[in-house]
Amino acid sequence: MKAVYSLFPKLLQDVPLETLAGLLTEAGADCVDLIVRDGYWVTHSGLEREASRYVGFMRGHGIGVELATTSYTPKMLLDDPDPLRILSSLGVNALRIGYFPYGPSIELSRQLAEARSQMEKLAELCSTFGMKAIYQVHHGSSQLIQHSQSALDIVSGLPAEHVGIMLDPGNQFHEGREHYGRAFSLLGTYLAAVGVKDVAPRQDPAGRSLPGKGWSASWAPCQEGLINWHDIGKSLRALDHPVAVNIQPFYHPSDRSLHLASLREELAYIQEAFGKEQRHEQA
């Protein structure tokens, strides 16, 4: 398996850029997402200037930047491809894009066909800039794409070098699980990334009489959660194309020290489970 391990530092948004690289290095991360989101280091309105500064600073401190995490939907990028141009110019050649919403009043097959049409146009646009758009499988009643089959429906037949899918076992746990070895096989070269975050189920005894019986799932470090990452690692190692391993630590949001300590353990755990052979090296 050829993989880039990239950290999505969602819970570190208040950390100054000048401090962030040091925290990442201490945690054992050697590659980080470029998050384009208001309130973070790179905003929509300041994209070109702020992204250049962010990428230059991180790479200057030995931290790779190869994946952008964005909310740009295919329609937004088709209307204004400037983000693709900017990211490409910085050598950030893959981006996680925004989601297709689910409309319960519209036939599902029609919604999938429309999503497929937009992805086809986006693939053509990405080829112009040497970019790859990655769609993340997500949970929630508002989401159109929640498992590998529906994900395949929107990219099948398109060039895998320009569009791909991020499966996310943590997200998918909330809707029900699938056999990830078979999901990887189904997607084939369209499997571009795996979102890495885990869950811990909990039951509130007071809710046992309710339809959900009081059960819920909280985010947890991978070394503590329910998902079998060694099984997923075995399936990943069988792949012969590059895959981004996107570490998404959403746990301990109110305790920075515990968050970072757990992240260090999680990175080591995932690298062992996935069989990471070497650290990212910035060219």
Protein backbone atom coordinates (compact mmCIF):
# COMPACT_ATOMS: atom_id res chain seq x y z
CA MET A 1 0.00 0.00 0.00
CA LYS A 2 1.27 3.43 -0.97
CA ALA A 3 -0.17 5.88 1.54
CA VAL A 4 0.08 9.44 2.75
CA TYR A 5 -0.95 9.85 6.40
CA SER A 6 -2.49 13.31 6.70
CA LEU A 7 -3.96 14.84 9.86
CA PHE A 8 -7.23 16.79 9.85
CA PRO A 9 -6.58 19.21 12.78
CA LYS A 10 -10.20 20.25 13.29
CA LEU A 11 -9.93 20.69 17.06
CA LEU A 12 -6.74 22.77 16.88
CA GLN A 13 -8.28 25.71 15.07
CA ASP A 14 -7.41 28.19 17.84
CA VAL A 15 -3.70 27.32 17.69
CA PRO A 16 -1.61 29.98 15.89
CA LEU A 17 0.03 28.79 12.70
CA GLU A 18 3.44 29.50 14.24
CA THR A 19 2.68 26.96 16.98
CA LEU A 20 0.78 24.36 14.98
CA ALA A 21 3.75 22.77 13.21
CA GLY A 22 5.48 22.09 16.52
CA LEU A 23 2.38 20.47 18.01
CA LEU A 24 2.00 18.26 14.94
CA THR A 25 5.62 17.16 15.09
CA GLU A 26 5.33 16.35 18.81
CA ALA A 27 2.23 14.28 18.09
CA GLY A 28 4.05 12.30 15.39
CA ALA A 29 2.24 13.79 12.39
CA ASP A 30 4.35 14.54 9.34
CA CYS A 31 1.58 15.62 6.93
CA VAL A 32 -1.42 17.88 7.55
CA ASP A 33 -4.58 18.87 5.69
CA LEU A 34 -4.99 22.34 4.27
CA ILE A 35 -8.38 23.20 5.78
CA VAL A 36 -10.30 25.85 3.84
CA ARG A 37 -12.88 26.99 6.33
CA ASP A 38 -13.78 30.32 7.90
CA GLY A 39 -12.30 30.55 11.39
CA TYR A 40 -9.27 28.44 10.45
CA TRP A 41 -5.83 29.29 9.07
CA VAL A 42 -7.10 29.48 5.48
CA THR A 43 -10.45 31.16 4.80
CA HIS A 44 -12.55 31.32 1.66
CA SER A 45 -12.04 35.05 1.16
CA GLY A 46 -8.28 34.86 1.79
CA LEU A 47 -7.67 31.58 0.00
CA GLU A 48 -4.81 32.48 -2.34
CA ARG A 49 -2.72 34.48 0.14
CA GLU A 50 -3.44 32.38 3.22
CA ALA A 51 -3.04 29.01 1.52
CA SER A 52 0.35 30.05 0.16
CA ARG A 53 1.48 31.11 3.63
CA TYR A 54 0.11 27.96 5.28
CA VAL A 55 1.70 25.56 2.80
CA GLY A 56 5.01 27.41 2.80
CA PHE A 57 5.16 27.50 6.59
CA MET A 58 4.30 23.84 7.06
CA ARG A 59 6.68 22.58 4.41
CA GLY A 60 9.38 24.84 5.77
CA HIS A 61 8.99 23.03 9.11
CA GLY A 62 9.06 19.54 7.63
CA ILE A 63 5.28 19.00 7.53
CA GLY A 64 3.85 17.87 4.20
CA VAL A 65 0.64 19.30 2.75
CA GLU A 66 -0.92 17.12 0.06
CA LEU A 67 -4.67 17.12 0.79
CA ALA A 68 -7.07 20.04 1.15
CA THR A 69 -10.25 19.66 3.21
CA THR A 70 -12.89 21.98 1.79
CA SER A 71 -16.63 22.54 1.56
CA TYR A 72 -16.59 23.37 -2.15
CA THR A 73 -19.37 21.41 -3.84
CA PRO A 74 -19.00 20.31 -7.46
CA LYS A 75 -21.44 23.03 -8.52
CA MET A 76 -19.43 25.69 -6.67
CA LEU A 77 -16.20 24.61 -8.38
CA LEU A 78 -17.87 24.42 -11.78
CA ASP A 79 -19.12 27.98 -11.29
CA ASP A 80 -15.74 29.20 -10.00
CA PRO A 81 -12.71 26.93 -10.57
CA ASP A 82 -10.28 29.36 -8.91
CA PRO A 83 -9.78 27.14 -5.82
CA LEU A 84 -8.57 24.34 -8.10
CA ARG A 85 -6.11 26.69 -9.77
CA ILE A 86 -4.77 27.96 -6.44
CA LEU A 87 -4.37 24.51 -4.88
CA SER A 88 -2.74 23.13 -7.99
CA SER A 89 -0.24 26.00 -8.08
CA LEU A 90 0.79 25.08 -4.51
CA GLY A 91 1.27 21.41 -5.31
CA VAL A 92 -1.78 20.39 -3.25
CA ASN A 93 -3.29 18.12 -5.87
CA ALA A 94 -6.20 16.52 -4.00
CA LEU A 95 -9.16 18.04 -2.20
CA ARG A 96 -12.06 16.69 -0.21
CA ILE A 97 -15.15 18.36 -1.62
CA GLY A 98 -18.54 19.30 -0.16
CA TYR A 99 -21.53 16.98 0.10
CA PHE A 100 -24.58 16.21 -1.97
CA PRO A 101 -27.73 16.72 0.13
CA TYR A 102 -30.51 14.16 0.22
CA GLY A 103 -34.03 15.33 -0.59
CA PRO A 104 -36.69 12.90 0.67
CA SER A 105 -39.29 14.25 -1.76
CA ILE A 106 -37.17 13.43 -4.84
CA GLU A 107 -36.67 9.92 -6.20
CA LEU A 108 -33.31 8.60 -5.01
CA SER A 109 -32.24 7.40 -8.46
CA ARG A 110 -32.79 10.90 -9.85
CA GLN A 111 -30.62 12.41 -7.13
CA LEU A 112 -27.82 9.91 -7.78
CA ALA A 113 -28.01 10.57 -11.52
CA GLU A 114 -27.72 14.33 -10.94
CA ALA A 115 -24.78 13.82 -8.59
CA ARG A 116 -23.10 11.58 -11.19
CA SER A 117 -23.61 14.29 -13.83
CA GLN A 118 -21.96 16.92 -11.62
CA MET A 119 -19.04 14.61 -10.81
CA GLU A 120 -18.51 13.96 -14.51
CA LYS A 121 -18.25 17.68 -15.22
CA LEU A 122 -15.98 18.13 -12.19
CA ALA A 123 -13.67 15.34 -13.34
CA GLU A 124 -13.21 17.11 -16.66
CA LEU A 125 -12.47 20.38 -14.86
CA CYS A 126 -10.01 18.70 -12.47
CA SER A 127 -8.11 17.26 -15.45
CA THR A 128 -7.43 20.82 -16.59
CA PHE A 129 -5.63 21.61 -13.32
CA GLY A 130 -4.11 18.21 -12.58
CA MET A 131 -6.35 17.86 -9.51
CA LYS A 132 -8.30 15.05 -7.85
CA ALA A 133 -11.68 15.65 -6.16
CA ILE A 134 -12.43 13.24 -3.30
CA TYR A 135 -15.97 12.66 -2.04
CA GLN A 136 -16.28 11.53 1.60
CA VAL A 137 -18.97 9.05 2.64
CA HIS A 138 -20.84 10.65 5.53
CA HIS A 139 -23.63 9.91 7.99
CA GLY A 140 -26.83 11.76 8.73
CA SER A 141 -30.31 11.92 7.24
CA SER A 142 -29.31 14.94 5.15
CA GLN A 143 -26.57 13.05 3.29
CA LEU A 144 -27.06 11.46 -0.14
CA ILE A 145 -23.96 9.21 -0.10
CA GLN A 146 -23.69 6.93 2.93
CA HIS A 147 -22.07 3.68 1.72
CA SER A 148 -19.71 2.32 -0.93
CA GLN A 149 -22.37 1.34 -3.47
CA SER A 150 -23.98 4.78 -3.65
CA ALA A 151 -20.48 6.29 -3.73
CA LEU A 152 -19.58 4.11 -6.71
CA ASP A 153 -22.77 5.20 -8.47
CA ILE A 154 -21.55 8.81 -8.68
CA VAL A 155 -18.02 8.07 -10.01
CA SER A 156 -18.29 4.85 -11.99
CA GLY A 157 -16.87 5.24 -15.49
CA LEU A 158 -15.08 8.50 -14.67
CA PRO A 159 -11.27 8.90 -14.64
CA ALA A 160 -10.02 7.68 -11.24
CA GLU A 161 -7.03 10.01 -11.46
CA HIS A 162 -9.41 12.98 -11.13
CA VAL A 163 -12.27 11.77 -8.89
CA GLY A 164 -12.32 9.35 -5.99
CA ILE A 165 -14.06 8.29 -2.79
CA MET A 166 -13.11 8.52 0.89
CA LEU A 167 -14.67 5.72 2.88
CA ASP A 168 -15.06 6.55 6.56
CA PRO A 169 -15.73 3.65 8.96
CA GLY A 170 -16.33 6.05 11.87
CA ASN A 171 -18.97 8.00 9.97
CA GLN A 172 -20.51 4.85 8.54
CA PHE A 173 -20.88 3.26 11.97
CA HIS A 174 -23.71 5.70 12.70
CA GLU A 175 -25.80 4.33 9.80
CA GLY A 176 -24.66 0.70 9.94
CA ARG A 177 -21.42 -0.97 8.93
CA GLU A 178 -20.19 -2.73 5.82
CA HIS A 179 -17.44 -5.25 5.13
CA TYR A 180 -14.56 -2.95 4.29
CA GLY A 181 -12.53 -5.51 2.37
CA ARG A 182 -15.46 -5.93 -0.01
CA ALA A 183 -16.09 -2.18 -0.08
CA PHE A 184 -12.46 -1.55 -1.07
CA SER A 185 -12.74 -4.21 -3.76
CA LEU A 186 -16.00 -2.72 -5.04
CA LEU A 187 -14.52 0.77 -5.36
CA GLY A 188 -11.20 -0.42 -6.79
CA THR A 189 -9.08 2.50 -7.96
CA TYR A 190 -11.86 4.92 -6.98
CA LEU A 191 -10.89 4.35 -3.34
CA ALA A 192 -8.79 7.47 -2.89
CA ALA A 193 -8.79 7.88 0.89
CA VAL A 194 -9.87 6.37 4.19
CA GLY A 195 -11.14 8.59 6.99
CA VAL A 196 -9.76 7.38 10.31
CA LYS A 197 -11.81 8.05 13.41
CA ASP A 198 -13.49 5.69 15.84
CA VAL A 199 -16.58 5.43 17.98
CA ALA A 200 -17.47 4.10 21.41
CA PRO A 201 -21.09 3.03 21.93
CA ARG A 202 -22.77 4.11 25.17
CA GLN A 203 -26.14 3.44 26.73
CA ASP A 204 -28.09 5.77 28.96
CA PRO A 205 -30.15 3.53 31.26
CA ALA A 206 -32.83 6.21 31.44
CA GLY A 207 -33.48 5.77 27.72
CA ARG A 208 -33.96 2.00 27.64
CA SER A 209 -37.70 2.32 27.04
CA LEU A 210 -37.23 4.58 24.03
CA PRO A 211 -37.07 3.29 20.42
CA GLY A 212 -33.27 3.72 20.40
CA LYS A 213 -33.00 2.02 23.82
CA GLY A 214 -30.73 4.79 25.07
CA TRP A 215 -27.81 3.89 22.80
CA SER A 216 -25.55 6.53 21.23
CA ALA A 217 -22.02 6.63 19.85
CA SER A 218 -19.27 9.05 20.89
CA TRP A 219 -16.02 9.77 19.07
CA ALA A 220 -13.07 7.88 20.54
CA PRO A 221 -9.38 7.33 19.74
CA CYS A 222 -8.83 4.34 17.47
CA GLN A 223 -6.92 2.48 20.18
CA GLU A 224 -10.04 2.63 22.37
CA GLY A 225 -12.98 2.44 19.95
CA LEU A 226 -15.06 -0.32 18.44
CA ILE A 227 -13.73 -0.54 14.86
CA ASN A 228 -11.24 -3.25 13.90
CA TRP A 229 -8.52 -1.20 12.22
CA HIS A 230 -6.25 -4.23 11.80
CA ASP A 231 -8.82 -5.82 9.48
CA ILE A 232 -9.07 -2.56 7.54
CA GLY A 233 -5.27 -2.36 7.39
CA LYS A 234 -5.10 -5.86 5.94
CA SER A 235 -7.44 -4.84 3.12
CA LEU A 236 -5.53 -1.61 2.54
CA ARG A 237 -2.20 -3.44 2.24
CA ALA A 238 -3.64 -5.47 -0.62
CA LEU A 239 -4.13 -2.32 -2.73
CA ASP A 240 -1.60 -1.36 -5.39
CA HIS A 241 -2.57 2.30 -5.83
CA PRO A 242 -1.98 5.35 -3.58
CA VAL A 243 -4.47 6.02 -0.78
CA ALA A 244 -4.66 8.97 1.62
CA VAL A 245 -5.06 7.93 5.25
CA ASN A 246 -6.88 10.91 6.78
CA ILE A 247 -6.56 10.97 10.58
CA GLN A 248 -9.58 12.78 12.06
CA PRO A 249 -9.27 13.15 15.87
CA PHE A 250 -12.57 14.49 17.17
CA TYR A 251 -12.22 13.32 20.78
CA HIS A 252 -11.49 15.23 24.02
CA PRO A 253 -12.41 18.66 22.58
CA SER A 254 -12.27 20.39 25.98
CA ASP A 255 -8.92 18.96 27.13
CA ARG A 256 -6.05 19.94 24.80
CA SER A 257 -3.38 17.98 26.69
CA LEU A 258 -5.46 14.80 26.69
CA HIS A 259 -6.38 15.35 23.04
CA LEU A 260 -2.72 15.58 21.97
CA ALA A 261 -1.61 12.68 24.18
CA SER A 262 -4.37 10.47 22.75
CA LEU A 263 -3.47 11.60 19.23
CA ARG A 264 0.15 10.50 19.70
CA GLU A 265 -1.05 7.07 20.79
CA GLU A 266 -3.59 6.91 17.97
CA LEU A 267 -1.08 7.73 15.24
CA ALA A 268 1.28 5.04 16.48
CA TYR A 269 -1.59 2.56 16.75
CA ILE A 270 -2.91 3.22 13.22
CA GLN A 271 0.55 3.10 11.67
CA GLU A 272 1.13 -0.26 13.29
CA ALA A 273 -2.31 -1.57 12.26
CA PHE A 274 -1.87 -0.37 8.68
CA GLY A 275 1.78 -1.41 8.43
CA LYS A 276 3.26 1.99 7.70
CA GLU A 277 6.78 1.51 6.40
CA GLN A 278 8.15 5.02 6.29
CA ARG A 279 7.35 8.60 7.13
CA HIS A 280 6.22 11.15 4.60
CA GLU A 281 9.12 12.89 2.89
CA GLN A 282 8.58 16.28 1.33
CA ALA A 283 10.28 16.61 -2.05
